C-alpha cells in the first residue's frame, strides 16, 4: 500500500484527489494540507511515501516545500502538480529532488499511474511539460555529457531514463540491487547531479535527440 499526502490550497481539488486516489486498491491518502506551513507540520508524522504538491501555495511554493521536506525525509517522493507555463518551476522542481511533475489537466487514471510510479521509486516526466526544461538543460551540458561514464554506468543511466527503479534495473542487468544503487551514486556524482530525477531528464533529452 502506497501512502499519499496531498498538498493543495483548494479544498475542492483535495476532495477530488482523495476520491480519485481512494478508488485505487493499492493507494491510501494519509493526510492533507492547504499550505507550506501545514504540510511541514503534518507530513513528517504521517508516514507518507508520496507527497503530491501543488506548485503554487498561499505561503510559499511547492518547489521549496519539496526541497525542505526531502531534507527532513530523504525517502519521501514528491510529485509536483503544475502547469506548462511554470517553466522555471519545472527546472527548479527537478533540482529540488522531485520525482516527477504532471500537468493539472492529467487524466485521473494517468495520475493514479503517476503516483504508483513515483511510489515505486521511478521517475515521471510529463512530455508536454518538459520542452523548456530540456532546452535549458541542453544549454548547460557539454557535447557528450556521458563521456566519463563507464559502459555499465551508461546502461544504468539509460534504464533510469526509462523510469525503472533500482530493483527493476537490477533484474534487467542481472545484478544485485545494492550494486545498482552504487552505480547510481557514482554516475550522479560524475554528472554533477544530486537526484536521479535529474539523470532521468537528461536521459530523456538524449534519447529524444537520437531519434531526431
Protein backbone atom coordinates (compact mmCIF):
# COMPACT_ATOMS: atom_id res chain seq x y z
CA UNK A 1 0.00 0.00 0.00
CA UNK A 2 1.40 3.38 -1.05
CA UNK A 3 0.57 6.15 1.43
CA UNK A 4 -0.10 9.54 -0.15
CA UNK A 5 -0.22 13.02 1.35
CA UNK A 6 -1.96 15.83 -0.58
CA UNK A 7 -0.95 19.50 -0.53
CA UNK A 8 -3.22 21.95 -2.39
CA UNK A 9 -4.83 25.17 -1.21
CA UNK A 10 -8.12 24.41 -2.96
CA UNK A 11 -10.36 22.16 -0.86
CA UNK A 12 -12.38 21.02 -3.85
CA UNK A 13 -9.18 19.83 -5.57
CA UNK A 14 -8.14 17.90 -2.47
CA UNK A 15 -11.61 16.31 -2.19
CA UNK A 16 -11.41 15.20 -5.80
CA UNK A 17 -7.93 13.77 -5.32
CA UNK A 18 -8.99 11.92 -2.18
CA UNK A 19 -11.88 10.30 -4.03
CA UNK A 20 -9.74 9.51 -7.08
CA UNK A 21 -6.75 8.03 -5.27
CA UNK A 22 -9.01 6.27 -2.77
CA UNK A 23 -10.54 4.33 -5.65
CA UNK A 24 -7.21 2.56 -6.24
CA UNK A 25 -6.85 -0.54 -4.01
CA UNK A 26 -3.12 -0.02 -3.54
CA UNK A 27 -3.21 3.70 -2.66
CA UNK A 28 -4.37 5.41 0.52
CA UNK A 29 -4.47 9.11 1.40
CA UNK A 30 -2.98 9.60 4.88
CA UNK A 31 -3.33 13.37 5.16
CA UNK A 32 -3.95 16.74 3.59
CA UNK A 33 -2.62 20.28 3.89
CA UNK A 34 -3.55 23.61 2.33
CA UNK A 35 -0.26 25.44 2.87
CA UNK A 36 3.50 25.02 3.24
CA UNK A 37 3.23 25.53 6.98
CA UNK A 38 0.56 22.86 7.40
CA UNK A 39 2.49 20.45 5.18
CA UNK A 40 5.74 20.83 7.12
CA UNK A 41 3.85 20.27 10.37
CA UNK A 42 1.84 17.24 9.25
CA UNK A 43 3.81 15.25 6.66
CA UNK A 44 6.76 14.11 8.85
CA UNK A 45 4.42 12.23 11.21
CA UNK A 46 2.02 10.99 8.53
CA UNK A 47 4.11 8.05 7.31
CA UNK A 48 3.58 9.16 3.71
CA UNK A 49 5.53 7.53 0.90
CA UNK A 50 4.49 10.10 -1.73
CA UNK A 51 3.59 13.78 -1.36
CA UNK A 52 1.54 15.30 -4.18
CA UNK A 53 2.40 19.01 -4.10
CA UNK A 54 0.78 21.96 -5.81
CA UNK A 55 3.46 24.32 -7.13
CA UNK A 56 1.65 27.48 -6.01
CA UNK A 57 0.67 27.74 -2.35
CA UNK A 58 -0.55 30.74 -0.31
CA UNK A 59 2.51 30.91 1.97
CA UNK A 60 5.21 29.73 -0.42
CA UNK A 61 5.59 27.24 -3.26
CA UNK A 62 5.69 23.53 -3.74
CA UNK A 63 9.24 23.53 -5.07
CA UNK A 64 10.70 24.98 -1.87
CA UNK A 65 8.41 22.69 0.12
CA UNK A 66 9.76 19.70 -1.81
CA UNK A 67 13.33 20.71 -1.02
CA UNK A 68 12.59 21.26 2.68
CA UNK A 69 10.65 18.00 3.01
CA UNK A 70 13.38 15.95 1.39
CA UNK A 71 15.95 17.47 3.70
CA UNK A 72 13.92 16.11 6.60
CA UNK A 73 12.57 12.97 4.89
CA UNK A 74 15.07 11.85 2.22
CA UNK A 75 12.97 8.78 1.34
CA UNK A 76 9.83 10.81 0.67
CA UNK A 77 8.97 11.06 -3.02
CA UNK A 78 7.39 14.26 -4.29
CA UNK A 79 5.11 14.52 -7.30
CA UNK A 80 4.52 18.10 -8.43
CA UNK A 81 1.23 19.32 -9.88
CA UNK A 82 1.99 22.18 -12.24
CA UNK A 83 1.03 23.99 -15.41
CA UNK A 84 3.00 24.28 -18.66
CA UNK A 85 3.57 27.99 -18.04
CA UNK A 86 5.76 27.27 -14.99
CA UNK A 87 8.96 26.63 -16.95
CA UNK A 88 11.22 27.88 -14.18
CA UNK A 89 9.31 25.90 -11.57
CA UNK A 90 9.77 22.71 -13.59
CA UNK A 91 13.53 23.12 -13.68
CA UNK A 92 13.68 24.09 -10.01
CA UNK A 93 11.50 21.11 -9.07
CA UNK A 94 13.95 18.68 -10.61
CA UNK A 95 16.83 20.41 -8.84
CA UNK A 96 14.87 20.24 -5.56
CA UNK A 97 14.62 16.47 -5.84
CA UNK A 98 11.08 16.00 -7.13
CA UNK A 99 10.46 12.54 -8.56
CA UNK A 100 8.24 13.93 -11.27
CA UNK A 101 5.74 16.52 -12.33
CA UNK A 102 2.43 16.33 -14.13
CA UNK A 103 0.02 18.83 -15.60
CA UNK A 104 -3.16 19.51 -13.66
CA UNK A 105 -5.09 18.55 -16.78
CA UNK A 106 -3.88 14.96 -16.41
CA UNK A 107 -6.49 12.21 -16.66
CA UNK A 108 -7.45 10.53 -13.40
CA UNK A 109 -6.18 7.11 -14.43
CA UNK A 110 -2.88 8.66 -15.50
CA UNK A 111 -2.48 10.42 -12.15
CA UNK A 112 -3.03 7.12 -10.34
CA UNK A 113 -0.34 5.57 -12.53
CA UNK A 114 1.95 8.53 -11.83
CA UNK A 115 1.58 8.12 -8.06
CA UNK A 116 2.27 4.40 -8.39
CA UNK A 117 5.37 5.02 -10.50
CA UNK A 118 6.76 7.60 -8.09
CA UNK A 119 5.86 5.47 -5.08
CA UNK A 120 7.79 2.54 -6.56
CA UNK A 121 10.90 4.70 -6.86
CA UNK A 122 10.57 5.60 -10.53
CA UNK A 123 10.79 8.98 -12.20
CA UNK A 124 7.93 10.55 -14.07
CA UNK A 125 8.22 13.33 -16.62
CA UNK A 126 5.22 14.72 -18.50
CA UNK A 127 6.46 15.09 -22.09
CA UNK A 128 4.16 18.03 -22.73
CA UNK A 129 5.63 19.94 -19.80
CA UNK A 130 9.35 19.38 -20.37
CA UNK A 131 10.17 21.24 -23.61
CA UNK A 132 11.55 24.33 -21.90
CA UNK A 133 13.29 22.22 -19.27
CA UNK A 134 15.05 20.18 -21.95
CA UNK A 135 16.21 23.32 -23.72
CA UNK A 136 17.68 24.73 -20.53
CA UNK A 137 19.48 21.51 -19.63
CA UNK A 138 20.73 21.18 -23.21
CA UNK A 139 22.36 24.59 -22.98
CA UNK A 140 24.11 23.62 -19.73
CA UNK A 141 25.58 20.33 -20.94
CA UNK A 142 28.74 19.57 -22.88
CA UNK A 143 28.67 17.89 -26.29
CA UNK A 144 29.00 14.49 -24.62
CA UNK A 145 27.74 14.70 -21.03
CA UNK A 146 28.21 10.93 -20.58
CA UNK A 147 31.89 10.90 -21.55
CA UNK A 148 33.06 9.97 -18.04
CA UNK A 149 30.58 7.13 -17.53
CA UNK A 150 31.61 3.50 -17.86
CA UNK A 151 29.63 1.18 -20.13
CA UNK A 152 27.78 -0.28 -17.15
CA UNK A 153 27.03 3.16 -15.76
CA UNK A 154 25.65 4.19 -19.16
CA UNK A 155 23.40 1.13 -19.15
CA UNK A 156 22.08 2.05 -15.69
CA UNK A 157 21.67 5.67 -16.82
CA UNK A 158 19.56 4.63 -19.82
CA UNK A 159 17.29 2.49 -17.63
CA UNK A 160 16.86 5.35 -15.15
CA UNK A 161 15.67 7.37 -18.12
CA UNK A 162 13.02 4.71 -18.76
CA UNK A 163 11.68 5.25 -15.24
CA UNK A 164 12.87 1.93 -13.81
CA UNK A 165 13.52 1.53 -10.08
CA UNK A 166 16.82 0.18 -8.72
CA UNK A 167 15.20 -3.23 -8.22
CA UNK A 168 13.91 -3.31 -11.79
CA UNK A 169 17.30 -2.24 -13.15
CA UNK A 170 18.98 -4.96 -11.09
CA UNK A 171 16.65 -7.58 -12.56
CA UNK A 172 17.22 -6.28 -16.08
CA UNK A 173 21.03 -6.32 -15.74
CA UNK A 174 21.19 -9.47 -13.57
CA UNK A 175 22.95 -7.62 -10.75
CA UNK A 176 22.29 -7.09 -7.05
CA UNK A 177 20.09 -4.14 -6.11
CA UNK A 178 22.87 -2.83 -3.84
CA UNK A 179 25.26 -2.89 -6.80
CA UNK A 180 22.83 -0.82 -8.86
CA UNK A 181 22.50 1.67 -6.00
CA UNK A 182 26.28 2.09 -6.05
CA UNK A 183 26.27 2.58 -9.83
CA UNK A 184 23.55 5.23 -9.49
CA UNK A 185 25.53 7.10 -6.82
CA UNK A 186 28.70 7.06 -8.95
CA UNK A 187 27.05 8.16 -12.18
CA UNK A 188 25.21 11.00 -10.43
CA UNK A 189 28.49 12.18 -8.95
CA UNK A 190 30.18 12.08 -12.37
CA UNK A 191 27.32 14.05 -13.91
CA UNK A 192 27.39 16.63 -11.13
CA UNK A 193 23.85 15.74 -10.06
CA UNK A 194 22.21 15.06 -6.72
CA UNK A 195 18.92 13.40 -7.72
CA UNK A 196 18.11 10.52 -10.07
CA UNK A 197 15.27 12.65 -11.50
CA UNK A 198 17.91 14.98 -12.93
CA UNK A 199 19.52 11.99 -14.66
CA UNK A 200 16.10 10.92 -15.96
CA UNK A 201 15.60 14.34 -17.53
CA UNK A 202 18.98 14.20 -19.26
CA UNK A 203 18.39 10.62 -20.44
CA UNK A 204 15.04 11.63 -21.92
CA UNK A 205 16.65 14.54 -23.73
CA UNK A 206 19.48 12.44 -25.18
CA UNK A 207 17.07 9.72 -26.29
CA UNK A 208 14.92 12.34 -27.99
CA UNK A 209 17.99 13.77 -29.75
CA UNK A 210 18.99 10.33 -31.06
CA UNK A 211 15.54 9.84 -32.56
CA UNK A 212 15.50 13.23 -34.29
